[in-house]
Amino acid sequence: MASLYFFRFWLGFGIGGDYPLSATIMSKYANKKTHGAFIAPVFAMQGFDILAGGIVTLIISAIFRAAFPKPAYQDAAAGSIGTEADFVWRIILMVGAVPALLTYYWRMKMPETACYTALVAKNAKLAASDMSKVLQVQLEDESEKMEEMVCRGNNDFGLFSPKFARRHGLHLVGTATMWFLLDIAFYSQNLFQKGIFTAINWIHKAHTMSTLDEVFRISPAQTLIVLCGTVPGYWFTVFLIDVVGRFKIQLMGFFMMTAFMLSLAIPYHHRTTPGNQATFVVMYGFTFFFADFRPNATTFVVPAEIFPARLRSTCHGISAAAGKAGAMIGAFGFLYAA
């Protein structure tokens, strides 16, 4: 547990930097007409990541089930994990290092944002060159033009200044609160997936399976939900965010999530009885669809647009951190409540 905590901390450290910086970098290169559609795909790639994780888990657990065809069911009932399952989760976790290494390589190849290069590094020529490569247009290297082009709204007030509080204090409270509230629901929803799959008879009860069988049966169920709900939801946002608008998308998303969750939760035992399970699965998939089509994506996009350039990544990071605080409350609060 100590080693998991240690490495999970550094994983969070990296993601905590990547969220605001990725969003801010894309916002610096985006044009006004398709600004949201330029930032949203960064976050939408999460859908493919989750899908890939489910597929990897399914493949590795299937290989081990084929290699060890007689799992000790009696050991599973006694709470034994077993050597095979111990290898499975370690291999699945280690595979995650591969995309991280690829990301590191490509990030080292990325140019610095032109705003930083022009204003902080004082190299307008390099800034113009970097912008030309990314946007595939020819730009002049005069400092004044570069500043006007890449750093509009580059206000000189600080994060804790009265001027920031007057202009953007409510914006920061709004982006942080929305992310906080969303992640309470979103992460607790993931936490209880196993129990929901058991209730609708997609998987057997835990005491009747070995750990290896449990992994093998849960992964396709989760992958199906991701394929039908999460992935389409993210990409609906990409295509519609600049058409419908951020405010409408986020407001409607919270409304639809609430409606579907209440319709699942209030008659829960009725929904999970034989004959109603197909309807339950469809509605459950729609909660993920509307979470990712609407607020889960807009909470990422809006902080990258609404704040001044100098403070954008910091405010985005604060908003994302508020979301993870909500995730902790959702995970621990609902777990103890259950």
C-alpha atoms as a PDB file:
ATOM      1  CA  MET A   1       0.000   0.000   0.000  1.00  0.00           C
ATOM      2  CA  ALA A   2       2.844   2.402   0.818  1.00  0.00           C
ATOM      3  CA  SER A   3       4.419   1.959  -2.613  1.00  0.00           C
ATOM      4  CA  LEU A   4       1.034   2.391  -4.335  1.00  0.00           C
ATOM      5  CA  TYR A   5       0.474   5.617  -2.396  1.00  0.00           C
ATOM      6  CA  PHE A   6       3.969   6.854  -3.265  1.00  0.00           C
ATOM      7  CA  PHE A   7       3.689   6.281  -7.007  1.00  0.00           C
ATOM      8  CA  ARG A   8       0.074   7.401  -7.132  1.00  0.00           C
ATOM      9  CA  PHE A   9       1.223  10.693  -5.593  1.00  0.00           C
ATOM     10  CA  TRP A  10       3.716  11.249  -8.419  1.00  0.00           C
ATOM     11  CA  LEU A  11       1.114  10.188 -10.981  1.00  0.00           C
ATOM     12  CA  GLY A  12      -1.167  12.860  -9.549  1.00  0.00           C
ATOM     13  CA  PHE A  13       1.695  15.340  -9.553  1.00  0.00           C
ATOM     14  CA  GLY A  14       2.207  14.776 -13.273  1.00  0.00           C
ATOM     15  CA  ILE A  15      -1.490  14.851 -14.153  1.00  0.00           C
ATOM     16  CA  GLY A  16      -1.958  17.918 -11.946  1.00  0.00           C
ATOM     17  CA  GLY A  17       0.552  19.740 -14.123  1.00  0.00           C
ATOM     18  CA  ASP A  18      -0.664  18.257 -17.381  1.00  0.00           C
ATOM     19  CA  TYR A  19      -4.329  19.246 -17.041  1.00  0.00           C
ATOM     20  CA  PRO A  20      -3.820  23.025 -16.843  1.00  0.00           C
ATOM     21  CA  LEU A  21      -0.784  23.158 -19.109  1.00  0.00           C
ATOM     22  CA  SER A  22      -2.303  21.078 -21.914  1.00  0.00           C
ATOM     23  CA  ALA A  23      -5.485  23.145 -21.847  1.00  0.00           C
ATOM     24  CA  THR A  24      -3.566  26.426 -21.735  1.00  0.00           C
ATOM     25  CA  ILE A  25      -1.164  25.481 -24.530  1.00  0.00           C
ATOM     26  CA  MET A  26      -4.054  24.551 -26.811  1.00  0.00           C
ATOM     27  CA  SER A  27      -5.936  27.736 -25.947  1.00  0.00           C
ATOM     28  CA  LYS A  28      -2.902  29.797 -26.978  1.00  0.00           C
ATOM     29  CA  TYR A  29      -2.908  28.253 -30.456  1.00  0.00           C
ATOM     30  CA  ALA A  30      -6.695  28.119 -30.982  1.00  0.00           C
ATOM     31  CA  ASN A  31      -8.575  30.591 -33.169  1.00  0.00           C
ATOM     32  CA  LYS A  32     -11.778  32.293 -32.058  1.00  0.00           C
ATOM     33  CA  LYS A  33     -14.166  30.422 -34.346  1.00  0.00           C
ATOM     34  CA  THR A  34     -13.223  26.887 -33.242  1.00  0.00           C
ATOM     35  CA  HIS A  35     -11.685  27.670 -29.860  1.00  0.00           C
ATOM     36  CA  GLY A  36     -13.667  25.119 -27.859  1.00  0.00           C
ATOM     37  CA  ALA A  37     -13.322  22.398 -30.490  1.00  0.00           C
ATOM     38  CA  PHE A  38      -9.548  22.913 -30.383  1.00  0.00           C
ATOM     39  CA  ILE A  39      -9.256  22.446 -26.597  1.00  0.00           C
ATOM     40  CA  ALA A  40     -11.936  19.777 -26.049  1.00  0.00           C
ATOM     41  CA  PRO A  41     -10.173  16.959 -28.007  1.00  0.00           C
ATOM     42  CA  VAL A  42      -7.290  17.066 -25.501  1.00  0.00           C
ATOM     43  CA  PHE A  43      -9.704  15.963 -22.792  1.00  0.00           C
ATOM     44  CA  ALA A  44     -11.789  13.809 -25.135  1.00  0.00           C
ATOM     45  CA  MET A  45      -8.812  11.512 -25.684  1.00  0.00           C
ATOM     46  CA  GLN A  46      -9.494  10.241 -22.161  1.00  0.00           C
ATOM     47  CA  GLY A  47     -12.338   8.199 -23.624  1.00  0.00           C
ATOM     48  CA  PHE A  48      -9.954   6.275 -25.865  1.00  0.00           C
ATOM     49  CA  ASP A  49      -7.522   5.905 -22.966  1.00  0.00           C
ATOM     50  CA  ILE A  50     -10.169   4.324 -20.742  1.00  0.00           C
ATOM     51  CA  LEU A  51     -11.264   2.096 -23.612  1.00  0.00           C
ATOM     52  CA  ALA A  52      -7.672   0.989 -24.217  1.00  0.00           C
ATOM     53  CA  GLY A  53      -7.264   0.248 -20.505  1.00  0.00           C
ATOM     54  CA  GLY A  54     -10.311  -2.016 -20.539  1.00  0.00           C
ATOM     55  CA  ILE A  55      -9.096  -3.846 -23.634  1.00  0.00           C
ATOM     56  CA  VAL A  56      -5.604  -4.354 -22.171  1.00  0.00           C
ATOM     57  CA  THR A  57      -7.128  -5.706 -18.962  1.00  0.00           C
ATOM     58  CA  LEU A  58      -9.377  -8.074 -20.906  1.00  0.00           C
ATOM     59  CA  ILE A  59      -6.504  -9.394 -23.048  1.00  0.00           C
ATOM     60  CA  ILE A  60      -4.082  -9.946 -20.155  1.00  0.00           C
ATOM     61  CA  SER A  61      -6.681 -11.617 -17.923  1.00  0.00           C
ATOM     62  CA  ALA A  62      -7.784 -13.831 -20.864  1.00  0.00           C
ATOM     63  CA  ILE A  63      -4.182 -14.925 -21.467  1.00  0.00           C
ATOM     64  CA  PHE A  64      -3.753 -15.890 -17.819  1.00  0.00           C
ATOM     65  CA  ARG A  65      -7.107 -17.701 -17.710  1.00  0.00           C
ATOM     66  CA  ALA A  66      -6.032 -19.736 -20.746  1.00  0.00           C
ATOM     67  CA  ALA A  67      -2.663 -20.498 -19.164  1.00  0.00           C
ATOM     68  CA  PHE A  68      -4.222 -21.410 -15.800  1.00  0.00           C
ATOM     69  CA  PRO A  69      -7.594 -23.003 -16.684  1.00  0.00           C
ATOM     70  CA  LYS A  70      -8.429 -24.245 -13.174  1.00  0.00           C
ATOM     71  CA  PRO A  71      -8.746 -21.296 -10.825  1.00  0.00           C
ATOM     72  CA  ALA A  72      -9.116 -22.185  -7.168  1.00  0.00           C
ATOM     73  CA  TYR A  73     -12.721 -21.183  -6.495  1.00  0.00           C
ATOM     74  CA  GLN A  74     -12.472 -22.518  -2.957  1.00  0.00           C
ATOM     75  CA  ASP A  75      -9.544 -20.190  -2.332  1.00  0.00           C
ATOM     76  CA  ALA A  76     -11.540 -17.256  -3.718  1.00  0.00           C
ATOM     77  CA  ALA A  77     -14.265 -17.844  -1.148  1.00  0.00           C
ATOM     78  CA  ALA A  78     -11.647 -17.829   1.608  1.00  0.00           C
ATOM     79  CA  GLY A  79     -10.316 -14.494   0.403  1.00  0.00           C
ATOM     80  CA  SER A  80      -7.099 -15.726  -1.245  1.00  0.00           C
ATOM     81  CA  ILE A  81      -5.831 -13.648  -4.170  1.00  0.00           C
ATOM     82  CA  GLY A  82      -3.625 -16.198  -5.885  1.00  0.00           C
ATOM     83  CA  THR A  83      -0.337 -15.854  -7.711  1.00  0.00           C
ATOM     84  CA  GLU A  84      -1.901 -15.533 -11.194  1.00  0.00           C
ATOM     85  CA  ALA A  85      -4.107 -12.565 -10.264  1.00  0.00           C
ATOM     86  CA  ASP A  86      -1.167 -10.943  -8.497  1.00  0.00           C
ATOM     87  CA  PHE A  87       0.788 -10.981 -11.765  1.00  0.00           C
ATOM     88  CA  VAL A  88      -2.213  -9.728 -13.737  1.00  0.00           C
ATOM     89  CA  TRP A  89      -2.755  -6.471 -11.863  1.00  0.00           C
ATOM     90  CA  ARG A  90       0.982  -5.730 -11.785  1.00  0.00           C
ATOM     91  CA  ILE A  91       1.335  -6.229 -15.557  1.00  0.00           C
ATOM     92  CA  ILE A  92      -1.759  -4.114 -16.283  1.00  0.00           C
ATOM     93  CA  LEU A  93      -0.368  -1.326 -14.093  1.00  0.00           C
ATOM     94  CA  MET A  94       3.065  -1.523 -15.746  1.00  0.00           C
ATOM     95  CA  VAL A  95       1.587  -1.285 -19.251  1.00  0.00           C
ATOM     96  CA  GLY A  96       0.466   2.220 -18.285  1.00  0.00           C
ATOM     97  CA  ALA A  97       4.106   3.303 -18.347  1.00  0.00           C
ATOM     98  CA  VAL A  98       4.235   2.840 -22.134  1.00  0.00           C
ATOM     99  CA  PRO A  99       1.918   5.738 -23.113  1.00  0.00           C
ATOM    100  CA  ALA A 100       3.564   7.831 -20.391  1.00  0.00           C
ATOM    101  CA  LEU A 101       6.976   7.332 -22.027  1.00  0.00           C
ATOM    102  CA  LEU A 102       5.560   8.117 -25.469  1.00  0.00           C
ATOM    103  CA  THR A 103       3.967  11.266 -24.061  1.00  0.00           C
ATOM    104  CA  TYR A 104       7.277  12.316 -22.518  1.00  0.00           C
ATOM    105  CA  TYR A 105       9.071  11.877 -25.844  1.00  0.00           C
ATOM    106  CA  TRP A 106       6.552  13.926 -27.833  1.00  0.00           C
ATOM    107  CA  ARG A 107       6.305  16.626 -25.175  1.00  0.00           C
ATOM    108  CA  MET A 108      10.057  17.124 -25.437  1.00  0.00           C
ATOM    109  CA  LYS A 109       9.523  17.818 -29.147  1.00  0.00           C
ATOM    110  CA  MET A 110       6.829  20.455 -28.584  1.00  0.00           C
ATOM    111  CA  PRO A 111       7.726  24.135 -28.959  1.00  0.00           C
ATOM    112  CA  GLU A 112       7.251  26.534 -26.067  1.00  0.00           C
ATOM    113  CA  THR A 113       4.133  28.674 -26.318  1.00  0.00           C
ATOM    114  CA  ALA A 114       4.719  31.823 -28.324  1.00  0.00           C
ATOM    115  CA  CYS A 115       3.382  34.003 -25.491  1.00  0.00           C
ATOM    116  CA  TYR A 116       6.147  32.811 -23.152  1.00  0.00           C
ATOM    117  CA  THR A 117       8.851  32.961 -25.821  1.00  0.00           C
ATOM    118  CA  ALA A 118       7.918  36.472 -26.899  1.00  0.00           C
ATOM    119  CA  LEU A 119       7.270  38.100 -23.519  1.00  0.00           C
ATOM    120  CA  VAL A 120       9.384  36.184 -20.994  1.00  0.00           C
ATOM    121  CA  ALA A 121      12.254  34.816 -23.076  1.00  0.00           C
ATOM    122  CA  LYS A 122      12.215  38.031 -25.180  1.00  0.00           C
ATOM    123  CA  ASN A 123      12.726  36.134 -28.423  1.00  0.00           C
ATOM    124  CA  ALA A 124      10.068  37.340 -30.868  1.00  0.00           C
ATOM    125  CA  LYS A 125      11.819  35.712 -33.823  1.00  0.00           C
ATOM    126  CA  LEU A 126      11.652  32.227 -32.272  1.00  0.00           C
ATOM    127  CA  ALA A 127       8.071  32.853 -31.171  1.00  0.00           C
ATOM    128  CA  ALA A 128       7.101  33.734 -34.737  1.00  0.00           C
ATOM    129  CA  SER A 129       8.893  30.635 -36.011  1.00  0.00           C
ATOM    130  CA  ASP A 130       7.121  28.344 -33.517  1.00  0.00           C
ATOM    131  CA  MET A 131       3.723  29.839 -34.324  1.00  0.00           C
ATOM    132  CA  SER A 132       4.407  29.452 -38.044  1.00  0.00           C
ATOM    133  CA  LYS A 133       5.163  25.742 -37.629  1.00  0.00           C
ATOM    134  CA  VAL A 134       2.057  25.057 -35.564  1.00  0.00           C
ATOM    135  CA  LEU A 135      -0.427  27.186 -37.514  1.00  0.00           C
ATOM    136  CA  GLN A 136       1.250  26.663 -40.890  1.00  0.00           C
ATOM    137  CA  VAL A 137       1.219  30.380 -41.711  1.00  0.00           C
ATOM    138  CA  GLN A 138       4.024  32.861 -42.173  1.00  0.00           C
ATOM    139  CA  LEU A 139       4.336  35.347 -39.293  1.00  0.00           C
ATOM    140  CA  GLU A 140       6.539  38.378 -38.817  1.00  0.00           C
ATOM    141  CA  ASP A 141       8.793  38.577 -35.797  1.00  0.00           C
ATOM    142  CA  GLU A 142       8.141  42.115 -34.554  1.00  0.00           C
ATOM    143  CA  SER A 143       7.705  42.012 -30.782  1.00  0.00           C
ATOM    144  CA  GLU A 144       4.662  44.290 -30.699  1.00  0.00           C
ATOM    145  CA  LYS A 145       2.793  42.247 -33.285  1.00  0.00           C
ATOM    146  CA  MET A 146       3.675  38.986 -31.555  1.00  0.00           C
ATOM    147  CA  GLU A 147       2.471  40.319 -28.213  1.00  0.00           C
ATOM    148  CA  GLU A 148      -0.789  41.496 -29.756  1.00  0.00           C
ATOM    149  CA  MET A 149      -1.295  38.176 -31.567  1.00  0.00           C
ATOM    150  CA  VAL A 150      -0.560  35.598 -28.878  1.00  0.00           C
ATOM    151  CA  CYS A 151      -1.110  37.398 -25.593  1.00  0.00           C
ATOM    152  CA  ARG A 152      -4.329  39.362 -25.882  1.00  0.00           C
ATOM    153  CA  GLY A 153      -5.669  40.217 -22.465  1.00  0.00           C
ATOM    154  CA  ASN A 154      -2.262  39.696 -20.842  1.00  0.00           C
ATOM    155  CA  ASN A 155      -3.195  41.677 -17.728  1.00  0.00           C
ATOM    156  CA  ASP A 156      -0.535  42.607 -15.227  1.00  0.00           C
ATOM    157  CA  PHE A 157      -2.445  41.969 -11.976  1.00  0.00           C
ATOM    158  CA  GLY A 158      -1.657  39.029  -9.683  1.00  0.00           C
ATOM    159  CA  LEU A 159      -3.740  36.073  -8.555  1.00  0.00           C
ATOM    160  CA  PHE A 160      -4.348  37.410  -5.039  1.00  0.00           C
ATOM    161  CA  SER A 161      -4.817  41.037  -6.047  1.00  0.00           C
ATOM    162  CA  PRO A 162      -8.073  42.966  -5.450  1.00  0.00           C
ATOM    163  CA  LYS A 163      -8.252  43.553  -9.204  1.00  0.00           C
ATOM    164  CA  PHE A 164      -8.287  39.808  -9.907  1.00  0.00           C
ATOM    165  CA  ALA A 165     -10.916  39.288  -7.205  1.00  0.00           C
ATOM    166  CA  ARG A 166     -13.164  41.908  -8.778  1.00  0.00           C
ATOM    167  CA  ARG A 167     -12.747  40.705 -12.354  1.00  0.00           C
ATOM    168  CA  HIS A 168     -12.366  36.939 -12.015  1.00  0.00           C
ATOM    169  CA  GLY A 169     -13.060  35.964  -8.396  1.00  0.00           C
ATOM    170  CA  LEU A 170     -16.558  34.681  -9.148  1.00  0.00           C
ATOM    171  CA  HIS A 171     -15.285  32.978 -12.309  1.00  0.00           C
ATOM    172  CA  LEU A 172     -12.752  30.999 -10.254  1.00  0.00           C
ATOM    173  CA  VAL A 173     -15.361  30.102  -7.619  1.00  0.00           C
ATOM    174  CA  GLY A 174     -17.679  28.986 -10.426  1.00  0.00           C
ATOM    175  CA  THR A 175     -15.175  26.793 -12.312  1.00  0.00           C
ATOM    176  CA  ALA A 176     -13.873  25.222  -9.082  1.00  0.00           C
ATOM    177  CA  THR A 177     -17.353  24.585  -7.675  1.00  0.00           C
ATOM    178  CA  MET A 178     -18.682  23.004 -10.868  1.00  0.00           C
ATOM    179  CA  TRP A 179     -15.673  20.682 -11.137  1.00  0.00           C
ATOM    180  CA  PHE A 180     -15.970  19.843  -7.414  1.00  0.00           C
ATOM    181  CA  LEU A 181     -19.662  18.937  -7.641  1.00  0.00           C
ATOM    182  CA  LEU A 182     -19.268  16.994 -10.885  1.00  0.00           C
ATOM    183  CA  ASP A 183     -16.479  14.774  -9.544  1.00  0.00           C
ATOM    184  CA  ILE A 184     -18.429  13.882  -6.397  1.00  0.00           C
ATOM    185  CA  ALA A 185     -20.982  12.213  -8.658  1.00  0.00           C
ATOM    186  CA  PHE A 186     -18.651  11.081 -11.440  1.00  0.00           C
ATOM    187  CA  TYR A 187     -16.026   9.264  -9.349  1.00  0.00           C
ATOM    188  CA  SER A 188     -18.500   7.677  -6.963  1.00  0.00           C
ATOM    189  CA  GLN A 189     -20.371   6.455 -10.038  1.00  0.00           C
ATOM    190  CA  ASN A 190     -17.251   4.581 -11.143  1.00  0.00           C
ATOM    191  CA  LEU A 191     -16.649   3.281  -7.625  1.00  0.00           C
ATOM    192  CA  PHE A 192     -19.934   1.386  -7.497  1.00  0.00           C
ATOM    193  CA  GLN A 193     -19.812  -0.088 -11.011  1.00  0.00           C
ATOM    194  CA  LYS A 194     -18.891  -3.538  -9.743  1.00  0.00           C
ATOM    195  CA  GLY A 195     -21.917  -3.631  -7.433  1.00  0.00           C
ATOM    196  CA  ILE A 196     -24.206  -2.461 -10.235  1.00  0.00           C
ATOM    197  CA  PHE A 197     -22.894  -5.103 -12.638  1.00  0.00           C
ATOM    198  CA  THR A 198     -23.550  -7.752  -9.982  1.00  0.00           C
ATOM    199  CA  ALA A 199     -27.080  -6.443  -9.339  1.00  0.00           C
ATOM    200  CA  ILE A 200     -28.032  -6.771 -13.023  1.00  0.00           C
ATOM    201  CA  ASN A 201     -26.344 -10.197 -13.298  1.00  0.00           C
ATOM    202  CA  TRP A 202     -23.632  -9.100 -15.706  1.00  0.00           C
ATOM    203  CA  ILE A 203     -21.077 -10.667 -13.383  1.00  0.00           C
ATOM    204  CA  HIS A 204     -21.377 -13.282 -10.638  1.00  0.00           C
ATOM    205  CA  LYS A 205     -21.125 -12.457  -6.966  1.00  0.00           C
ATOM    206  CA  ALA A 206     -17.543 -11.960  -5.836  1.00  0.00           C
ATOM    207  CA  HIS A 207     -17.427 -14.965  -3.471  1.00  0.00           C
ATOM    208  CA  THR A 208     -18.295 -17.323  -6.354  1.00  0.00           C
ATOM    209  CA  MET A 209     -15.351 -16.275  -8.543  1.00  0.00           C
ATOM    210  CA  SER A 210     -11.600 -16.331  -8.346  1.00  0.00           C
ATOM    211  CA  THR A 211      -9.954 -12.915  -8.526  1.00  0.00           C
ATOM    212  CA  LEU A 212      -8.717 -13.700 -12.025  1.00  0.00           C
ATOM    213  CA  ASP A 213     -12.243 -14.524 -13.207  1.00  0.00           C
ATOM    214  CA  GLU A 214     -13.533 -11.360 -11.571  1.00  0.00           C
ATOM    215  CA  VAL A 215     -11.085  -9.180 -13.503  1.00  0.00           C
ATOM    216  CA  PHE A 216     -11.922 -11.014 -16.733  1.00  0.00           C
ATOM    217  CA  ARG A 217     -15.669 -10.470 -16.308  1.00  0.00           C
ATOM    218  CA  ILE A 218     -15.626  -6.877 -15.057  1.00  0.00           C
ATOM    219  CA  SER A 219     -13.344  -5.539 -17.815  1.00  0.00           C
ATOM    220  CA  PRO A 220     -15.700  -6.253 -20.784  1.00  0.00           C
ATOM    221  CA  ALA A 221     -18.671  -4.805 -18.858  1.00  0.00           C
ATOM    222  CA  GLN A 222     -16.762  -1.594 -18.120  1.00  0.00           C
ATOM    223  CA  THR A 223     -15.417  -1.457 -21.675  1.00  0.00           C
ATOM    224  CA  LEU A 224     -18.927  -1.713 -23.110  1.00  0.00           C
ATOM    225  CA  ILE A 225     -20.123   1.222 -20.961  1.00  0.00           C
ATOM    226  CA  VAL A 226     -17.123   3.274 -22.099  1.00  0.00           C
ATOM    227  CA  LEU A 227     -17.636   2.368 -25.760  1.00  0.00           C
ATOM    228  CA  CYS A 228     -21.348   3.190 -25.799  1.00  0.00           C
ATOM    229  CA  GLY A 229     -21.444   6.095 -23.336  1.00  0.00           C
ATOM    230  CA  THR A 230     -18.120   7.716 -22.472  1.00  0.00           C
ATOM    231  CA  VAL A 231     -16.363   7.873 -25.852  1.00  0.00           C
ATOM    232  CA  PRO A 232     -19.363   9.184 -27.862  1.00  0.00           C
ATOM    233  CA  GLY A 233     -20.098  11.697 -25.102  1.00  0.00           C
ATOM    234  CA  TYR A 234     -16.656  13.274 -25.273  1.00  0.00           C
ATOM    235  CA  TRP A 235     -16.733  13.629 -29.045  1.00  0.00           C
ATOM    236  CA  PHE A 236     -20.258  15.036 -29.155  1.00  0.00           C
ATOM    237  CA  THR A 237     -18.818  17.848 -27.059  1.00  0.00           C
ATOM    238  CA  VAL A 238     -15.937  18.379 -29.492  1.00  0.00           C
ATOM    239  CA  PHE A 239     -18.294  18.783 -32.449  1.00  0.00           C
ATOM    240  CA  LEU A 240     -21.014  20.816 -30.719  1.00  0.00           C
ATOM    241  CA  ILE A 241     -19.273  22.995 -28.133  1.00  0.00           C
ATOM    242  CA  ASP A 242     -18.773  25.926 -30.512  1.00  0.00           C
ATOM    243  CA  VAL A 243     -22.280  25.511 -31.924  1.00  0.00           C
ATOM    244  CA  VAL A 244     -24.345  25.139 -28.749  1.00  0.00           C
ATOM    245  CA  GLY A 245     -22.112  27.074 -26.359  1.00  0.00           C
ATOM    246  CA  ARG A 246     -20.420  26.205 -23.071  1.00  0.00           C
ATOM    247  CA  PHE A 247     -23.143  27.490 -20.750  1.00  0.00           C
ATOM    248  CA  LYS A 248     -25.983  25.561 -22.376  1.00  0.00           C
ATOM    249  CA  ILE A 249     -23.930  22.376 -22.663  1.00  0.00           C
ATOM    250  CA  GLN A 250     -22.918  22.433 -18.999  1.00  0.00           C
ATOM    251  CA  LEU A 251     -26.361  23.381 -17.685  1.00  0.00           C
ATOM    252  CA  MET A 252     -28.137  20.749 -19.765  1.00  0.00           C
ATOM    253  CA  GLY A 253     -25.520  18.137 -18.823  1.00  0.00           C
ATOM    254  CA  PHE A 254     -26.045  18.565 -15.096  1.00  0.00           C
ATOM    255  CA  PHE A 255     -29.809  18.453 -15.624  1.00  0.00           C
ATOM    256  CA  MET A 256     -29.675  15.229 -17.673  1.00  0.00           C
ATOM    257  CA  MET A 257     -27.250  13.553 -15.244  1.00  0.00           C
ATOM    258  CA  THR A 258     -29.592  14.396 -12.385  1.00  0.00           C
ATOM    259  CA  ALA A 259     -32.634  13.107 -14.240  1.00  0.00           C
ATOM    260  CA  PHE A 260     -31.041   9.787 -15.223  1.00  0.00           C
ATOM    261  CA  MET A 261     -29.450   9.179 -11.819  1.00  0.00           C
ATOM    262  CA  LEU A 262     -32.720   9.812  -9.994  1.00  0.00           C
ATOM    263  CA  SER A 263     -34.619   7.573 -12.412  1.00  0.00           C
ATOM    264  CA  LEU A 264     -32.100   4.784 -11.710  1.00  0.00           C
ATOM    265  CA  ALA A 265     -31.763   5.298  -7.964  1.00  0.00           C
ATOM    266  CA  ILE A 266     -35.345   5.765  -6.744  1.00  0.00           C
ATOM    267  CA  PRO A 267     -36.775   2.526  -8.266  1.00  0.00           C
ATOM    268  CA  TYR A 268     -33.334   0.806  -8.051  1.00  0.00           C
ATOM    269  CA  HIS A 269     -34.543  -2.634  -6.932  1.00  0.00           C
ATOM    270  CA  HIS A 270     -37.304  -2.593  -9.534  1.00  0.00           C
ATOM    271  CA  ARG A 271     -34.868  -1.584 -12.293  1.00  0.00           C
ATOM    272  CA  THR A 272     -32.437  -4.398 -11.470  1.00  0.00           C
ATOM    273  CA  THR A 273     -35.027  -7.199 -11.477  1.00  0.00           C
ATOM    274  CA  PRO A 274     -35.047  -9.654 -14.421  1.00  0.00           C
ATOM    275  CA  GLY A 275     -36.869  -8.134 -17.372  1.00  0.00           C
ATOM    276  CA  ASN A 276     -35.878  -4.569 -16.492  1.00  0.00           C
ATOM    277  CA  GLN A 277     -32.126  -5.023 -16.612  1.00  0.00           C
ATOM    278  CA  ALA A 278     -31.696  -4.043 -20.265  1.00  0.00           C
ATOM    279  CA  THR A 279     -33.469  -0.748 -19.615  1.00  0.00           C
ATOM    280  CA  PHE A 280     -31.259  -0.188 -16.574  1.00  0.00           C
ATOM    281  CA  VAL A 281     -28.061  -0.726 -18.584  1.00  0.00           C
ATOM    282  CA  VAL A 282     -29.178   1.695 -21.304  1.00  0.00           C
ATOM    283  CA  MET A 283     -30.080   4.384 -18.779  1.00  0.00           C
ATOM    284  CA  TYR A 284     -26.862   3.777 -16.855  1.00  0.00           C
ATOM    285  CA  GLY A 285     -24.892   4.241 -20.078  1.00  0.00           C
ATOM    286  CA  PHE A 286     -26.730   7.517 -20.702  1.00  0.00           C
ATOM    287  CA  THR A 287     -25.547   8.915 -17.347  1.00  0.00           C
ATOM    288  CA  PHE A 288     -21.960   8.518 -18.597  1.00  0.00           C
ATOM    289  CA  PHE A 289     -22.862   9.845 -22.017  1.00  0.00           C
ATOM    290  CA  PHE A 290     -24.346  13.062 -20.638  1.00  0.00           C
ATOM    291  CA  ALA A 291     -21.577  13.419 -18.052  1.00  0.00           C
ATOM    292  CA  ASP A 292     -18.917  13.332 -20.770  1.00  0.00           C
ATOM    293  CA  PHE A 293     -20.926  15.043 -23.510  1.00  0.00           C
ATOM    294  CA  ARG A 294     -21.537  17.999 -21.282  1.00  0.00           C
ATOM    295  CA  PRO A 295     -20.094  18.949 -17.852  1.00  0.00           C
ATOM    296  CA  ASN A 296     -17.098  16.603 -17.687  1.00  0.00           C
ATOM    297  CA  ALA A 297     -15.698  18.250 -20.839  1.00  0.00           C
ATOM    298  CA  THR A 298     -16.839  21.834 -20.260  1.00  0.00           C
ATOM    299  CA  THR A 299     -15.284  21.919 -16.774  1.00  0.00           C
ATOM    300  CA  PHE A 300     -11.966  21.333 -18.574  1.00  0.00           C
ATOM    301  CA  VAL A 301     -12.539  23.803 -21.412  1.00  0.00           C
ATOM    302  CA  VAL A 302     -13.986  26.835 -19.615  1.00  0.00           C
ATOM    303  CA  PRO A 303     -11.051  27.503 -17.208  1.00  0.00           C
ATOM    304  CA  ALA A 304      -8.724  27.502 -20.219  1.00  0.00           C
ATOM    305  CA  GLU A 305     -10.716  30.320 -21.824  1.00  0.00           C
ATOM    306  CA  ILE A 306     -12.158  32.563 -19.158  1.00  0.00           C
ATOM    307  CA  PHE A 307      -9.040  33.701 -17.269  1.00  0.00           C
ATOM    308  CA  PRO A 308      -6.278  36.126 -18.370  1.00  0.00           C
ATOM    309  CA  ALA A 309      -3.276  34.578 -20.109  1.00  0.00           C
ATOM    310  CA  ARG A 310      -0.782  35.037 -17.267  1.00  0.00           C
ATOM    311  CA  LEU A 311      -3.011  33.297 -14.704  1.00  0.00           C
ATOM    312  CA  ARG A 312      -4.805  30.809 -16.937  1.00  0.00           C
ATOM    313  CA  SER A 313      -2.903  27.645 -16.071  1.00  0.00           C
ATOM    314  CA  THR A 314      -2.891  28.489 -12.345  1.00  0.00           C
ATOM    315  CA  CYS A 315      -6.649  29.048 -12.249  1.00  0.00           C
ATOM    316  CA  HIS A 316      -7.210  25.912 -14.323  1.00  0.00           C
ATOM    317  CA  GLY A 317      -5.057  23.947 -11.866  1.00  0.00           C
ATOM    318  CA  ILE A 318      -7.024  25.269  -8.888  1.00  0.00           C
ATOM    319  CA  SER A 319     -10.283  24.265 -10.587  1.00  0.00           C
ATOM    320  CA  ALA A 320      -8.961  20.777 -11.389  1.00  0.00           C
ATOM    321  CA  ALA A 321      -7.701  20.348  -7.814  1.00  0.00           C
ATOM    322  CA  ALA A 322     -11.168  21.247  -6.535  1.00  0.00           C
ATOM    323  CA  GLY A 323     -12.505  18.475  -8.757  1.00  0.00           C
ATOM    324  CA  LYS A 324     -10.149  15.929  -7.200  1.00  0.00           C
ATOM    325  CA  ALA A 325     -11.227  17.084  -3.745  1.00  0.00           C
ATOM    326  CA  GLY A 326     -14.776  16.288  -4.846  1.00  0.00           C
ATOM    327  CA  ALA A 327     -13.593  12.894  -6.075  1.00  0.00           C
ATOM    328  CA  MET A 328     -12.184  12.099  -2.621  1.00  0.00           C
ATOM    329  CA  ILE A 329     -15.411  13.136  -0.929  1.00  0.00           C
ATOM    330  CA  GLY A 330     -17.434  11.087  -3.406  1.00  0.00           C
ATOM    331  CA  ALA A 331     -15.248   8.006  -2.966  1.00  0.00           C
ATOM    332  CA  PHE A 332     -14.978   8.019   0.825  1.00  0.00           C
ATOM    333  CA  GLY A 333     -18.353   9.579   1.605  1.00  0.00           C
ATOM    334  CA  PHE A 334     -20.477   7.225  -0.484  1.00  0.00           C
ATOM    335  CA  LEU A 335     -18.335   4.226   0.488  1.00  0.00           C
ATOM    336  CA  TYR A 336     -18.966   4.805   4.192  1.00  0.00           C
ATOM    337  CA  ALA A 337     -22.606   5.674   3.508  1.00  0.00           C
ATOM    338  CA  ALA A 338     -23.011   2.347   1.706  1.00  0.00           C
END
